Amino acid sequence: MKIDVCTGNVCNTKGSAQVREQLRALINENDLDAAVSMKDVGCMKSCGKAVCVTIDGNLYSVSPETAGLFFKDHVMGRAIG
């Protein structure tokens, strides 16, 4: 699974650094390093959905407040399923 997190100006303002930190911590805590790769990318041109996160090309809107639920709903099931 490939996760990209936007690092554009709008996403940074809305908390992309916190989203990245939370997702990285959850990936590590759940021993998913081998199944999930995550990287920072430039602006995804979907600023209205900031913070923009893609999983295998599918775009999601994630905030620092929803990162844990996003991980549970969209990463855990796919990574171990």
PDB file of N, CA and C in Angstrom:
ATOM      1  N   MET A   1       0.845  -1.173   0.000  1.00  0.00           N
ATOM      2  CA  MET A   1       0.000   0.000   0.000  1.00  0.00           C
ATOM      3  C   MET A   1       0.889   1.235   0.000  1.00  0.00           C
ATOM      4  N   LYS A   2       0.525   2.199  -0.832  1.00  0.00           N
ATOM      5  CA  LYS A   2       1.292   3.431  -0.947  1.00  0.00           C
ATOM      6  C   LYS A   2       0.437   4.600  -0.467  1.00  0.00           C
ATOM      7  N   ILE A   3       0.902   5.302   0.548  1.00  0.00           N
ATOM      8  CA  ILE A   3       0.219   6.478   1.080  1.00  0.00           C
ATOM      9  C   ILE A   3       1.062   7.707   0.774  1.00  0.00           C
ATOM     10  N   ASP A   4       0.427   8.713   0.171  1.00  0.00           N
ATOM     11  CA  ASP A   4       1.073  10.002  -0.069  1.00  0.00           C
ATOM     12  C   ASP A   4       0.354  11.067   0.737  1.00  0.00           C
ATOM     13  N   VAL A   5       1.123  11.932   1.383  1.00  0.00           N
ATOM     14  CA  VAL A   5       0.563  13.024   2.182  1.00  0.00           C
ATOM     15  C   VAL A   5       1.037  14.343   1.578  1.00  0.00           C
ATOM     16  N   CYS A   6       0.098  15.208   1.267  1.00  0.00           N
ATOM     17  CA  CYS A   6       0.409  16.497   0.664  1.00  0.00           C
ATOM     18  C   CYS A   6       1.181  17.390   1.636  1.00  0.00           C
ATOM     19  N   THR A   7       2.191  18.079   1.092  1.00  0.00           N
ATOM     20  CA  THR A   7       2.964  19.032   1.889  1.00  0.00           C
ATOM     21  C   THR A   7       2.839  20.447   1.327  1.00  0.00           C
ATOM     22  N   GLY A   8       1.812  20.667   0.501  1.00  0.00           N
ATOM     23  CA  GLY A   8       1.583  22.002  -0.050  1.00  0.00           C
ATOM     24  C   GLY A   8       1.212  22.996   1.037  1.00  0.00           C
ATOM     25  N   ASN A   9       1.204  24.262   0.698  1.00  0.00           N
ATOM     26  CA  ASN A   9       0.981  25.327   1.679  1.00  0.00           C
ATOM     27  C   ASN A   9      -0.343  25.188   2.428  1.00  0.00           C
ATOM     28  N   VAL A  10      -1.438  24.946   1.703  1.00  0.00           N
ATOM     29  CA  VAL A  10      -2.748  24.858   2.359  1.00  0.00           C
ATOM     30  C   VAL A  10      -2.787  23.645   3.288  1.00  0.00           C
ATOM     31  N   CYS A  11      -2.299  22.505   2.806  1.00  0.00           N
ATOM     32  CA  CYS A  11      -2.297  21.302   3.646  1.00  0.00           C
ATOM     33  C   CYS A  11      -1.411  21.491   4.873  1.00  0.00           C
ATOM     34  N   ASN A  12      -0.256  22.132   4.695  1.00  0.00           N
ATOM     35  CA  ASN A  12       0.607  22.395   5.854  1.00  0.00           C
ATOM     36  C   ASN A  12      -0.102  23.260   6.877  1.00  0.00           C
ATOM     37  N   THR A  13      -0.808  24.280   6.402  1.00  0.00           N
ATOM     38  CA  THR A  13      -1.546  25.165   7.298  1.00  0.00           C
ATOM     39  C   THR A  13      -2.624  24.410   8.069  1.00  0.00           C
ATOM     40  N   LYS A  14      -3.218  23.407   7.425  1.00  0.00           N
ATOM     41  CA  LYS A  14      -4.305  22.654   8.053  1.00  0.00           C
ATOM     42  C   LYS A  14      -3.822  21.430   8.834  1.00  0.00           C
ATOM     43  N   GLY A  15      -2.499  21.229   8.924  1.00  0.00           N
ATOM     44  CA  GLY A  15      -1.983  20.183   9.809  1.00  0.00           C
ATOM     45  C   GLY A  15      -1.396  18.948   9.163  1.00  0.00           C
ATOM     46  N   SER A  16      -0.860  19.070   7.954  1.00  0.00           N
ATOM     47  CA  SER A  16      -0.312  17.874   7.311  1.00  0.00           C
ATOM     48  C   SER A  16       0.848  17.268   8.099  1.00  0.00           C
ATOM     49  N   ALA A  17       1.635  18.089   8.779  1.00  0.00           N
ATOM     50  CA  ALA A  17       2.741  17.538   9.574  1.00  0.00           C
ATOM     51  C   ALA A  17       2.204  16.639  10.689  1.00  0.00           C
ATOM     52  N   GLN A  18       1.137  17.060  11.354  1.00  0.00           N
ATOM     53  CA  GLN A  18       0.544  16.252  12.415  1.00  0.00           C
ATOM     54  C   GLN A  18      -0.085  14.978  11.854  1.00  0.00           C
ATOM     55  N   VAL A  19      -0.727  15.092  10.697  1.00  0.00           N
ATOM     56  CA  VAL A  19      -1.314  13.904  10.060  1.00  0.00           C
ATOM     57  C   VAL A  19      -0.212  12.903   9.740  1.00  0.00           C
ATOM     58  N   ARG A  20       0.880  13.367   9.147  1.00  0.00           N
ATOM     59  CA  ARG A  20       2.006  12.480   8.814  1.00  0.00           C
ATOM     60  C   ARG A  20       2.561  11.816  10.063  1.00  0.00           C
ATOM     61  N   GLU A  21       2.765  12.586  11.113  1.00  0.00           N
ATOM     62  CA  GLU A  21       3.309  12.028  12.364  1.00  0.00           C
ATOM     63  C   GLU A  21       2.387  10.962  12.934  1.00  0.00           C
ATOM     64  N   GLN A  22       1.093  11.236  12.947  1.00  0.00           N
ATOM     65  CA  GLN A  22       0.133  10.273  13.492  1.00  0.00           C
ATOM     66  C   GLN A  22       0.087   9.001  12.654  1.00  0.00           C
ATOM     67  N   LEU A  23       0.039   9.149  11.325  1.00  0.00           N
ATOM     68  CA  LEU A  23       0.004   7.965  10.469  1.00  0.00           C
ATOM     69  C   LEU A  23       1.285   7.152  10.609  1.00  0.00           C
ATOM     70  N   ARG A  24       2.429   7.811  10.639  1.00  0.00           N
ATOM     71  CA  ARG A  24       3.705   7.108  10.799  1.00  0.00           C
ATOM     72  C   ARG A  24       3.720   6.343  12.116  1.00  0.00           C
ATOM     73  N   ALA A  25       3.288   6.970  13.196  1.00  0.00           N
ATOM     74  CA  ALA A  25       3.250   6.306  14.499  1.00  0.00           C
ATOM     75  C   ALA A  25       2.319   5.097  14.478  1.00  0.00           C
ATOM     76  N   LEU A  26       1.168   5.234  13.855  1.00  0.00           N
ATOM     77  CA  LEU A  26       0.213   4.123  13.786  1.00  0.00           C
ATOM     78  C   LEU A  26       0.733   2.987  12.909  1.00  0.00           C
ATOM     79  N   ILE A  27       1.418   3.324  11.834  1.00  0.00           N
ATOM     80  CA  ILE A  27       2.033   2.295  10.997  1.00  0.00           C
ATOM     81  C   ILE A  27       3.060   1.520  11.813  1.00  0.00           C
ATOM     82  N   ASN A  28       3.895   2.236  12.556  1.00  0.00           N
ATOM     83  CA  ASN A  28       4.912   1.584  13.392  1.00  0.00           C
ATOM     84  C   ASN A  28       4.291   0.757  14.508  1.00  0.00           C
ATOM     85  N   GLU A  29       3.311   1.320  15.200  1.00  0.00           N
ATOM     86  CA  GLU A  29       2.668   0.623  16.331  1.00  0.00           C
ATOM     87  C   GLU A  29       1.995  -0.675  15.898  1.00  0.00           C
ATOM     88  N   ASN A  30       1.520  -0.700  14.665  1.00  0.00           N
ATOM     89  CA  ASN A  30       0.800  -1.868  14.166  1.00  0.00           C
ATOM     90  C   ASN A  30       1.669  -2.772  13.298  1.00  0.00           C
ATOM     91  N   ASP A  31       2.985  -2.546  13.342  1.00  0.00           N
ATOM     92  CA  ASP A  31       3.949  -3.364  12.600  1.00  0.00           C
ATOM     93  C   ASP A  31       3.597  -3.499  11.122  1.00  0.00           C
ATOM     94  N   LEU A  32       3.252  -2.380  10.497  1.00  0.00           N
ATOM     95  CA  LEU A  32       2.855  -2.391   9.094  1.00  0.00           C
ATOM     96  C   LEU A  32       3.923  -1.803   8.172  1.00  0.00           C
ATOM     97  N   ASP A  33       5.139  -1.652   8.684  1.00  0.00           N
ATOM     98  CA  ASP A  33       6.204  -1.052   7.874  1.00  0.00           C
ATOM     99  C   ASP A  33       6.437  -1.795   6.562  1.00  0.00           C
ATOM    100  N   ALA A  34       6.320  -3.114   6.584  1.00  0.00           N
ATOM    101  CA  ALA A  34       6.550  -3.904   5.373  1.00  0.00           C
ATOM    102  C   ALA A  34       5.386  -3.790   4.391  1.00  0.00           C
ATOM    103  N   ALA A  35       4.196  -3.513   4.887  1.00  0.00           N
ATOM    104  CA  ALA A  35       3.002  -3.487   4.039  1.00  0.00           C
ATOM    105  C   ALA A  35       2.638  -2.094   3.551  1.00  0.00           C
ATOM    106  N   VAL A  36       3.135  -1.052   4.233  1.00  0.00           N
ATOM    107  CA  VAL A  36       2.717   0.322   3.929  1.00  0.00           C
ATOM    108  C   VAL A  36       3.947   1.194   3.710  1.00  0.00           C
ATOM    109  N   SER A  37       3.974   1.885   2.578  1.00  0.00           N
ATOM    110  CA  SER A  37       5.002   2.905   2.375  1.00  0.00           C
ATOM    111  C   SER A  37       4.308   4.263   2.371  1.00  0.00           C
ATOM    112  N   MET A  38       4.936   5.230   3.006  1.00  0.00           N
ATOM    113  CA  MET A  38       4.342   6.560   3.092  1.00  0.00           C
ATOM    114  C   MET A  38       5.390   7.587   2.714  1.00  0.00           C
ATOM    115  N   LYS A  39       4.986   8.572   1.910  1.00  0.00           N
ATOM    116  CA  LYS A  39       5.913   9.639   1.563  1.00  0.00           C
ATOM    117  C   LYS A  39       5.183  10.968   1.464  1.00  0.00           C
ATOM    118  N   ASP A  40       5.952  12.020   1.579  1.00  0.00           N
ATOM    119  CA  ASP A  40       5.449  13.376   1.409  1.00  0.00           C
ATOM    120  C   ASP A  40       5.482  13.702  -0.077  1.00  0.00           C
ATOM    121  N   VAL A  41       4.465  14.405  -0.541  1.00  0.00           N
ATOM    122  CA  VAL A  41       4.419  14.845  -1.932  1.00  0.00           C
ATOM    123  C   VAL A  41       4.035  16.314  -1.969  1.00  0.00           C
ATOM    124  N   GLY A  42       4.281  16.959  -3.092  1.00  0.00           N
ATOM    125  CA  GLY A  42       3.902  18.355  -3.263  1.00  0.00           C
ATOM    126  C   GLY A  42       2.392  18.507  -3.402  1.00  0.00           C
ATOM    127  N   CYS A  43       1.993  19.706  -3.710  1.00  0.00           N
ATOM    128  CA  CYS A  43       0.566  20.036  -3.796  1.00  0.00           C
ATOM    129  C   CYS A  43      -0.165  19.082  -4.732  1.00  0.00           C
ATOM    130  N   MET A  44      -1.306  18.579  -4.264  1.00  0.00           N
ATOM    131  CA  MET A  44      -2.124  17.649  -5.039  1.00  0.00           C
ATOM    132  C   MET A  44      -3.219  18.365  -5.827  1.00  0.00           C
ATOM    133  N   LYS A  45      -3.255  19.697  -5.730  1.00  0.00           N
ATOM    134  CA  LYS A  45      -4.228  20.517  -6.469  1.00  0.00           C
ATOM    135  C   LYS A  45      -5.672  20.228  -6.047  1.00  0.00           C
ATOM    136  N   SER A  46      -5.855  19.823  -4.796  1.00  0.00           N
ATOM    137  CA  SER A  46      -7.196  19.605  -4.233  1.00  0.00           C
ATOM    138  C   SER A  46      -7.285  20.318  -2.901  1.00  0.00           C
ATOM    139  N   CYS A  47      -6.873  21.573  -2.889  1.00  0.00           N
ATOM    140  CA  CYS A  47      -6.721  22.338  -1.650  1.00  0.00           C
ATOM    141  C   CYS A  47      -8.012  22.437  -0.836  1.00  0.00           C
ATOM    142  N   GLY A  48      -9.144  22.351  -1.478  1.00  0.00           N
ATOM    143  CA  GLY A  48     -10.415  22.404  -0.765  1.00  0.00           C
ATOM    144  C   GLY A  48     -10.630  21.197   0.130  1.00  0.00           C
ATOM    145  N   LYS A  49      -9.841  20.144  -0.073  1.00  0.00           N
ATOM    146  CA  LYS A  49      -9.954  18.930   0.734  1.00  0.00           C
ATOM    147  C   LYS A  49      -8.810  18.786   1.724  1.00  0.00           C
ATOM    148  N   ALA A  50      -8.009  19.815   1.889  1.00  0.00           N
ATOM    149  CA  ALA A  50      -6.830  19.743   2.749  1.00  0.00           C
ATOM    150  C   ALA A  50      -7.196  19.251   4.150  1.00  0.00           C
ATOM    151  N   VAL A  51      -6.442  18.389   4.672  1.00  0.00           N
ATOM    152  CA  VAL A  51      -5.173  17.800   4.293  1.00  0.00           C
ATOM    153  C   VAL A  51      -5.447  16.640   3.334  1.00  0.00           C
ATOM    154  N   CYS A  52      -4.783  16.674   2.174  1.00  0.00           N
ATOM    155  CA  CYS A  52      -4.988  15.654   1.154  1.00  0.00           C
ATOM    156  C   CYS A  52      -4.053  14.471   1.390  1.00  0.00           C
ATOM    157  N   VAL A  53      -4.648  13.292   1.382  1.00  0.00           N
ATOM    158  CA  VAL A  53      -3.906  12.042   1.538  1.00  0.00           C
ATOM    159  C   VAL A  53      -4.418  11.090   0.476  1.00  0.00           C
ATOM    160  N   THR A  54      -3.516  10.406  -0.207  1.00  0.00           N
ATOM    161  CA  THR A  54      -3.961   9.383  -1.148  1.00  0.00           C
ATOM    162  C   THR A  54      -3.479   8.018  -0.682  1.00  0.00           C
ATOM    163  N   ILE A  55      -4.306   7.020  -0.953  1.00  0.00           N
ATOM    164  CA  ILE A  55      -3.920   5.626  -0.768  1.00  0.00           C
ATOM    165  C   ILE A  55      -4.055   4.983  -2.132  1.00  0.00           C
ATOM    166  N   ASP A  56      -2.938   4.542  -2.663  1.00  0.00           N
ATOM    167  CA  ASP A  56      -2.910   3.922  -3.984  1.00  0.00           C
ATOM    168  C   ASP A  56      -3.689   4.752  -5.001  1.00  0.00           C
ATOM    169  N   GLY A  57      -3.532   6.089  -4.920  1.00  0.00           N
ATOM    170  CA  GLY A  57      -4.139   6.991  -5.881  1.00  0.00           C
ATOM    171  C   GLY A  57      -5.527   7.500  -5.538  1.00  0.00           C
ATOM    172  N   ASN A  58      -6.172   6.953  -4.524  1.00  0.00           N
ATOM    173  CA  ASN A  58      -7.501   7.411  -4.107  1.00  0.00           C
ATOM    174  C   ASN A  58      -7.356   8.541  -3.098  1.00  0.00           C
ATOM    175  N   LEU A  59      -7.997   9.675  -3.369  1.00  0.00           N
ATOM    176  CA  LEU A  59      -7.844  10.884  -2.553  1.00  0.00           C
ATOM    177  C   LEU A  59      -8.807  10.903  -1.371  1.00  0.00           C
ATOM    178  N   TYR A  60      -8.260  11.269  -0.210  1.00  0.00           N
ATOM    179  CA  TYR A  60      -9.045  11.411   1.023  1.00  0.00           C
ATOM    180  C   TYR A  60      -8.712  12.747   1.662  1.00  0.00           C
ATOM    181  N   SER A  61      -9.664  13.273   2.407  1.00  0.00           N
ATOM    182  CA  SER A  61      -9.468  14.476   3.198  1.00  0.00           C
ATOM    183  C   SER A  61      -9.303  14.043   4.649  1.00  0.00           C
ATOM    184  N   VAL A  62      -8.146  14.372   5.237  1.00  0.00           N
ATOM    185  CA  VAL A  62      -7.823  13.926   6.592  1.00  0.00           C
ATOM    186  C   VAL A  62      -7.383  15.138   7.399  1.00  0.00           C
ATOM    187  N   SER A  63      -7.764  15.181   8.651  1.00  0.00           N
ATOM    188  CA  SER A  63      -7.309  16.247   9.553  1.00  0.00           C
ATOM    189  C   SER A  63      -6.557  15.594  10.701  1.00  0.00           C
ATOM    190  N   PRO A  64      -5.828  16.388  11.485  1.00  0.00           N
ATOM    191  CA  PRO A  64      -5.182  15.799  12.656  1.00  0.00           C
ATOM    192  C   PRO A  64      -6.194  15.127  13.586  1.00  0.00           C
ATOM    193  N   GLU A  65      -7.415  15.664  13.623  1.00  0.00           N
ATOM    194  CA  GLU A  65      -8.450  15.100  14.496  1.00  0.00           C
ATOM    195  C   GLU A  65      -9.019  13.785  13.963  1.00  0.00           C
ATOM    196  N   THR A  66      -8.960  13.569  12.656  1.00  0.00           N
ATOM    197  CA  THR A  66      -9.548  12.359  12.072  1.00  0.00           C
ATOM    198  C   THR A  66      -8.511  11.338  11.621  1.00  0.00           C
ATOM    199  N   ALA A  67      -7.239  11.611  11.826  1.00  0.00           N
ATOM    200  CA  ALA A  67      -6.181  10.720  11.328  1.00  0.00           C
ATOM    201  C   ALA A  67      -6.284   9.307  11.903  1.00  0.00           C
ATOM    202  N   GLY A  68      -6.601   9.178  13.172  1.00  0.00           N
ATOM    203  CA  GLY A  68      -6.718   7.852  13.790  1.00  0.00           C
ATOM    204  C   GLY A  68      -7.853   7.046  13.193  1.00  0.00           C
ATOM    205  N   LEU A  69      -9.000   7.664  13.017  1.00  0.00           N
ATOM    206  CA  LEU A  69     -10.142   6.983  12.418  1.00  0.00           C
ATOM    207  C   LEU A  69      -9.857   6.650  10.951  1.00  0.00           C
ATOM    208  N   PHE A  70      -9.227   7.576  10.241  1.00  0.00           N
ATOM    209  CA  PHE A  70      -8.836   7.332   8.858  1.00  0.00           C
ATOM    210  C   PHE A  70      -7.933   6.101   8.782  1.00  0.00           C
ATOM    211  N   PHE A  71      -6.957   6.024   9.659  1.00  0.00           N
ATOM    212  CA  PHE A  71      -6.041   4.884   9.680  1.00  0.00           C
ATOM    213  C   PHE A  71      -6.814   3.586   9.904  1.00  0.00           C
ATOM    214  N   LYS A  72      -7.692   3.595  10.890  1.00  0.00           N
ATOM    215  CA  LYS A  72      -8.477   2.402  11.209  1.00  0.00           C
ATOM    216  C   LYS A  72      -9.350   1.986  10.027  1.00  0.00           C
ATOM    217  N   ASP A  73     -10.050   2.951   9.441  1.00  0.00           N
ATOM    218  CA  ASP A  73     -11.011   2.652   8.381  1.00  0.00           C
ATOM    219  C   ASP A  73     -10.373   2.342   7.032  1.00  0.00           C
ATOM    220  N   HIS A  74      -9.273   3.018   6.705  1.00  0.00           N
ATOM    221  CA  HIS A  74      -8.747   2.925   5.346  1.00  0.00           C
ATOM    222  C   HIS A  74      -7.379   2.251   5.223  1.00  0.00           C
ATOM    223  N   VAL A  75      -6.649   2.162   6.309  1.00  0.00           N
ATOM    224  CA  VAL A  75      -5.316   1.559   6.227  1.00  0.00           C
ATOM    225  C   VAL A  75      -5.293   0.162   6.831  1.00  0.00           C
ATOM    226  N   MET A  76      -5.759   0.030   8.040  1.00  0.00           N
ATOM    227  CA  MET A  76      -5.678  -1.264   8.742  1.00  0.00           C
ATOM    228  C   MET A  76      -6.305  -2.400   7.938  1.00  0.00           C
ATOM    229  N   GLY A  77      -7.542  -2.236   7.530  1.00  0.00           N
ATOM    230  CA  GLY A  77      -8.237  -3.298   6.824  1.00  0.00           C
ATOM    231  C   GLY A  77      -7.564  -3.692   5.528  1.00  0.00           C
ATOM    232  N   ARG A  78      -7.067  -2.707   4.807  1.00  0.00           N
ATOM    233  CA  ARG A  78      -6.420  -2.980   3.523  1.00  0.00           C
ATOM    234  C   ARG A  78      -5.040  -3.565   3.713  1.00  0.00           C
ATOM    235  N   ALA A  79      -4.332  -3.135   4.745  1.00  0.00           N
ATOM    236  CA  ALA A  79      -2.942  -3.589   4.934  1.00  0.00           C
ATOM    237  C   ALA A  79      -2.894  -5.043   5.437  1.00  0.00           C
ATOM    238  N   ILE A  80      -3.868  -5.418   6.252  1.00  0.00           N
ATOM    239  CA  ILE A  80      -3.825  -6.770   6.807  1.00  0.00           C
ATOM    240  C   ILE A  80      -4.812  -7.707   6.121  1.00  0.00           C
ATOM    241  N   GLY A  81      -5.689  -7.163   5.282  1.00  0.00           N
ATOM    242  CA  GLY A  81      -6.719  -7.953   4.628  1.00  0.00           C
ATOM    243  C   GLY A  81      -6.309  -8.580   3.388  1.00  0.00           C
TER     244      GLY A  81
END
